[in-house]
Each structure stands twice: as structure tokens, then as C-alpha cells.
Amino acid sequence: MNPKKELLIKSAARLYSLGLDLEGARERLKELVARGVPYSSPEMLKAYEDFTQLDAQWKELERQHLELRDEILREDGARRK
């Protein structure tokens, strides 16, 4: 298989896994808010920091994944001409 396509598949799997972690972090924040934990508490600040770090990682990996996908599509299109 094309090494770029293998990398695309691996990045898709990582996006999925990271997405699950991100949703878990989002749920943790919702849970803290529902329990009435103050926004300035160490527990809330840590949960928010964890969420924002995961969110930034996911967005960067998604950007890289989409760029690679577009590159592969362009290369495949050029070969077919």
C-alpha cells in the first residue's frame, strides 16, 4: 500500500481515539458544572486545561489529516489524467 495512504489510515485511527478522549474530557467538564463546582476551583481548572489540550491536539491532527488526504487525492487525480 502507498505509505501516504497508510499514514492517512493511522491518522484517522488516532483522530478517532483522540476524539473519544476529547468527548470524555468534555463530559467531565459538564459533570463538574452540574455538580456546582466553582469555575475557579483547582478541580475545574485542571479539567478545563485537560480539555483545551486535547482539543488543540485534535484540531492540529485533523488539519494534518485533511492536508494529507487532499494531497493524496491530487496525486491520484494527476495519475489518472
N, C-alpha and C. Protein backbone atom coordinates (compact mmCIF):
# COMPACT_ATOMS: atom_id res chain seq x y z
N MET A 1 0.84 -1.18 0.00
CA MET A 1 0.00 0.00 0.00
C MET A 1 0.89 1.24 0.00
N ASN A 2 0.37 2.30 -0.55
CA ASN A 2 1.04 3.59 -0.59
C ASN A 2 1.32 4.06 0.85
N PRO A 3 2.59 4.43 1.14
CA PRO A 3 2.91 4.88 2.52
C PRO A 3 2.07 6.08 2.98
N LYS A 4 1.72 6.96 2.07
CA LYS A 4 0.88 8.11 2.45
C LYS A 4 -0.52 7.65 2.83
N LYS A 5 -1.03 6.66 2.12
CA LYS A 5 -2.36 6.14 2.46
C LYS A 5 -2.34 5.41 3.80
N GLU A 6 -1.24 4.72 4.09
CA GLU A 6 -1.10 4.06 5.39
C GLU A 6 -1.09 5.11 6.50
N LEU A 7 -0.36 6.19 6.26
CA LEU A 7 -0.30 7.28 7.24
C LEU A 7 -1.68 7.91 7.43
N LEU A 8 -2.42 8.04 6.35
CA LEU A 8 -3.78 8.60 6.43
C LEU A 8 -4.67 7.71 7.29
N ILE A 9 -4.57 6.42 7.11
CA ILE A 9 -5.37 5.48 7.90
C ILE A 9 -4.97 5.55 9.37
N LYS A 10 -3.68 5.61 9.63
CA LYS A 10 -3.21 5.71 11.01
C LYS A 10 -3.67 7.01 11.66
N SER A 11 -3.63 8.10 10.90
CA SER A 11 -4.06 9.37 11.48
C SER A 11 -5.58 9.36 11.72
N ALA A 12 -6.32 8.68 10.88
CA ALA A 12 -7.77 8.57 11.09
C ALA A 12 -8.05 7.79 12.37
N ALA A 13 -7.31 6.72 12.59
CA ALA A 13 -7.48 5.93 13.82
C ALA A 13 -7.12 6.76 15.05
N ARG A 14 -6.06 7.54 14.93
CA ARG A 14 -5.64 8.39 16.06
C ARG A 14 -6.68 9.49 16.30
N LEU A 15 -7.24 10.04 15.23
CA LEU A 15 -8.30 11.05 15.38
C LEU A 15 -9.49 10.46 16.14
N TYR A 16 -9.85 9.26 15.79
CA TYR A 16 -10.98 8.60 16.46
C TYR A 16 -10.69 8.44 17.95
N SER A 17 -9.52 7.91 18.26
CA SER A 17 -9.13 7.69 19.65
C SER A 17 -9.05 9.00 20.42
N LEU A 18 -8.44 9.99 19.82
CA LEU A 18 -8.33 11.30 20.46
C LEU A 18 -9.71 11.93 20.63
N GLY A 19 -10.58 11.70 19.67
CA GLY A 19 -11.95 12.21 19.76
C GLY A 19 -12.70 11.62 20.95
N LEU A 20 -12.47 10.34 21.21
CA LEU A 20 -13.09 9.71 22.38
C LEU A 20 -12.57 10.34 23.67
N ASP A 21 -11.26 10.57 23.72
CA ASP A 21 -10.67 11.22 24.89
C ASP A 21 -11.22 12.63 25.06
N LEU A 22 -11.36 13.34 23.96
CA LEU A 22 -11.87 14.71 23.99
C LEU A 22 -13.30 14.74 24.50
N GLU A 23 -14.12 13.82 24.02
CA GLU A 23 -15.50 13.77 24.49
C GLU A 23 -15.58 13.41 25.98
N GLY A 24 -14.67 12.56 26.42
CA GLY A 24 -14.61 12.24 27.85
C GLY A 24 -14.27 13.47 28.68
N ALA A 25 -13.33 14.26 28.19
CA ALA A 25 -12.94 15.50 28.88
C ALA A 25 -14.09 16.50 28.88
N ARG A 26 -14.82 16.56 27.78
CA ARG A 26 -15.99 17.46 27.70
C ARG A 26 -17.06 17.02 28.72
N GLU A 27 -17.29 15.73 28.80
CA GLU A 27 -18.27 15.20 29.76
C GLU A 27 -17.84 15.48 31.19
N ARG A 28 -16.54 15.40 31.45
CA ARG A 28 -16.02 15.70 32.78
C ARG A 28 -16.34 17.14 33.16
N LEU A 29 -16.13 18.07 32.22
CA LEU A 29 -16.46 19.47 32.48
C LEU A 29 -17.95 19.64 32.76
N LYS A 30 -18.78 18.99 31.95
CA LYS A 30 -20.23 19.09 32.16
C LYS A 30 -20.63 18.55 33.53
N GLU A 31 -20.00 17.46 33.92
CA GLU A 31 -20.29 16.85 35.22
C GLU A 31 -19.93 17.82 36.35
N LEU A 32 -18.78 18.45 36.25
CA LEU A 32 -18.35 19.39 37.29
C LEU A 32 -19.31 20.58 37.37
N VAL A 33 -19.72 21.09 36.21
CA VAL A 33 -20.66 22.21 36.19
C VAL A 33 -21.99 21.78 36.82
N ALA A 34 -22.46 20.60 36.47
CA ALA A 34 -23.73 20.10 37.01
C ALA A 34 -23.67 19.93 38.53
N ARG A 35 -22.50 19.57 39.03
CA ARG A 35 -22.33 19.41 40.48
C ARG A 35 -22.15 20.75 41.18
N GLY A 36 -22.02 21.83 40.41
CA GLY A 36 -21.87 23.15 41.01
C GLY A 36 -20.47 23.47 41.47
N VAL A 37 -19.47 22.76 40.90
CA VAL A 37 -18.08 23.04 41.27
C VAL A 37 -17.71 24.43 40.76
N PRO A 38 -17.13 25.26 41.61
CA PRO A 38 -16.78 26.62 41.18
C PRO A 38 -15.77 26.61 40.02
N TYR A 39 -15.95 27.55 39.10
CA TYR A 39 -15.08 27.63 37.93
C TYR A 39 -13.63 27.87 38.31
N SER A 40 -13.41 28.51 39.43
CA SER A 40 -12.04 28.83 39.84
C SER A 40 -11.40 27.75 40.70
N SER A 41 -12.10 26.66 40.93
CA SER A 41 -11.55 25.59 41.77
C SER A 41 -10.42 24.86 41.04
N PRO A 42 -9.47 24.32 41.77
CA PRO A 42 -8.38 23.56 41.13
C PRO A 42 -8.89 22.40 40.28
N GLU A 43 -9.94 21.75 40.74
CA GLU A 43 -10.51 20.61 40.00
C GLU A 43 -11.06 21.05 38.65
N MET A 44 -11.79 22.17 38.65
CA MET A 44 -12.36 22.68 37.41
C MET A 44 -11.26 23.20 36.48
N LEU A 45 -10.30 23.90 37.04
CA LEU A 45 -9.21 24.43 36.22
C LEU A 45 -8.41 23.31 35.56
N LYS A 46 -8.18 22.23 36.29
CA LYS A 46 -7.46 21.07 35.74
C LYS A 46 -8.28 20.41 34.63
N ALA A 47 -9.57 20.24 34.86
CA ALA A 47 -10.44 19.63 33.85
C ALA A 47 -10.48 20.49 32.59
N TYR A 48 -10.53 21.81 32.78
CA TYR A 48 -10.54 22.71 31.62
C TYR A 48 -9.22 22.66 30.87
N GLU A 49 -8.13 22.63 31.60
CA GLU A 49 -6.80 22.55 30.96
C GLU A 49 -6.67 21.25 30.17
N ASP A 50 -7.11 20.14 30.76
CA ASP A 50 -7.07 18.85 30.05
C ASP A 50 -7.89 18.92 28.77
N PHE A 51 -9.10 19.49 28.87
CA PHE A 51 -9.96 19.61 27.71
C PHE A 51 -9.32 20.46 26.62
N THR A 52 -8.79 21.62 26.98
CA THR A 52 -8.22 22.52 25.96
C THR A 52 -6.99 21.91 25.30
N GLN A 53 -6.19 21.16 26.06
CA GLN A 53 -5.03 20.50 25.46
C GLN A 53 -5.46 19.43 24.46
N LEU A 54 -6.43 18.62 24.84
CA LEU A 54 -6.93 17.59 23.93
C LEU A 54 -7.58 18.22 22.69
N ASP A 55 -8.32 19.29 22.89
CA ASP A 55 -8.97 19.98 21.78
C ASP A 55 -7.94 20.51 20.79
N ALA A 56 -6.87 21.11 21.29
CA ALA A 56 -5.82 21.64 20.42
C ALA A 56 -5.13 20.51 19.66
N GLN A 57 -4.87 19.40 20.35
CA GLN A 57 -4.24 18.24 19.68
C GLN A 57 -5.14 17.71 18.58
N TRP A 58 -6.44 17.59 18.87
CA TRP A 58 -7.38 17.06 17.89
C TRP A 58 -7.45 17.96 16.66
N LYS A 59 -7.54 19.26 16.90
CA LYS A 59 -7.64 20.20 15.77
C LYS A 59 -6.39 20.16 14.90
N GLU A 60 -5.22 20.07 15.51
CA GLU A 60 -3.97 20.01 14.74
C GLU A 60 -3.89 18.71 13.95
N LEU A 61 -4.23 17.60 14.58
CA LEU A 61 -4.20 16.32 13.87
C LEU A 61 -5.23 16.30 12.75
N GLU A 62 -6.39 16.88 12.98
CA GLU A 62 -7.41 16.95 11.92
C GLU A 62 -6.89 17.77 10.73
N ARG A 63 -6.23 18.88 11.02
CA ARG A 63 -5.68 19.72 9.96
C ARG A 63 -4.66 18.93 9.14
N GLN A 64 -3.76 18.24 9.82
CA GLN A 64 -2.75 17.44 9.12
C GLN A 64 -3.40 16.32 8.31
N HIS A 65 -4.39 15.67 8.89
CA HIS A 65 -5.09 14.58 8.21
C HIS A 65 -5.75 15.07 6.93
N LEU A 66 -6.44 16.19 7.01
CA LEU A 66 -7.12 16.73 5.83
C LEU A 66 -6.13 17.18 4.76
N GLU A 67 -5.01 17.75 5.17
CA GLU A 67 -3.98 18.13 4.19
C GLU A 67 -3.43 16.91 3.48
N LEU A 68 -3.16 15.85 4.23
CA LEU A 68 -2.64 14.62 3.63
C LEU A 68 -3.68 14.00 2.70
N ARG A 69 -4.92 14.00 3.12
CA ARG A 69 -6.00 13.45 2.27
C ARG A 69 -6.08 14.22 0.96
N ASP A 70 -6.04 15.55 1.04
CA ASP A 70 -6.11 16.37 -0.17
C ASP A 70 -4.90 16.12 -1.07
N GLU A 71 -3.74 15.96 -0.47
CA GLU A 71 -2.53 15.68 -1.25
C GLU A 71 -2.65 14.35 -1.98
N ILE A 72 -3.15 13.34 -1.30
CA ILE A 72 -3.33 12.03 -1.93
C ILE A 72 -4.35 12.12 -3.07
N LEU A 73 -5.44 12.83 -2.84
CA LEU A 73 -6.46 12.98 -3.89
C LEU A 73 -5.89 13.70 -5.11
N ARG A 74 -5.08 14.74 -4.88
CA ARG A 74 -4.46 15.45 -6.01
C ARG A 74 -3.52 14.53 -6.78
N GLU A 75 -2.72 13.75 -6.05
CA GLU A 75 -1.79 12.83 -6.71
C GLU A 75 -2.52 11.76 -7.48
N ASP A 76 -3.60 11.21 -6.90
CA ASP A 76 -4.39 10.20 -7.60
C ASP A 76 -5.04 10.79 -8.84
N GLY A 77 -5.52 12.02 -8.74
CA GLY A 77 -6.13 12.69 -9.89
C GLY A 77 -5.12 12.94 -11.00
N ALA A 78 -3.91 13.32 -10.63
CA ALA A 78 -2.85 13.59 -11.63
C ALA A 78 -2.45 12.31 -12.34
N ARG A 79 -2.44 11.20 -11.64
CA ARG A 79 -2.06 9.92 -12.26
C ARG A 79 -3.11 9.45 -13.25
N ARG A 80 -4.35 9.80 -13.03
CA ARG A 80 -5.44 9.33 -13.89
C ARG A 80 -5.56 10.11 -15.17
N LYS A 81 -4.92 11.26 -15.23
CA LYS A 81 -5.03 12.11 -16.44
C LYS A 81 -4.18 11.57 -17.56
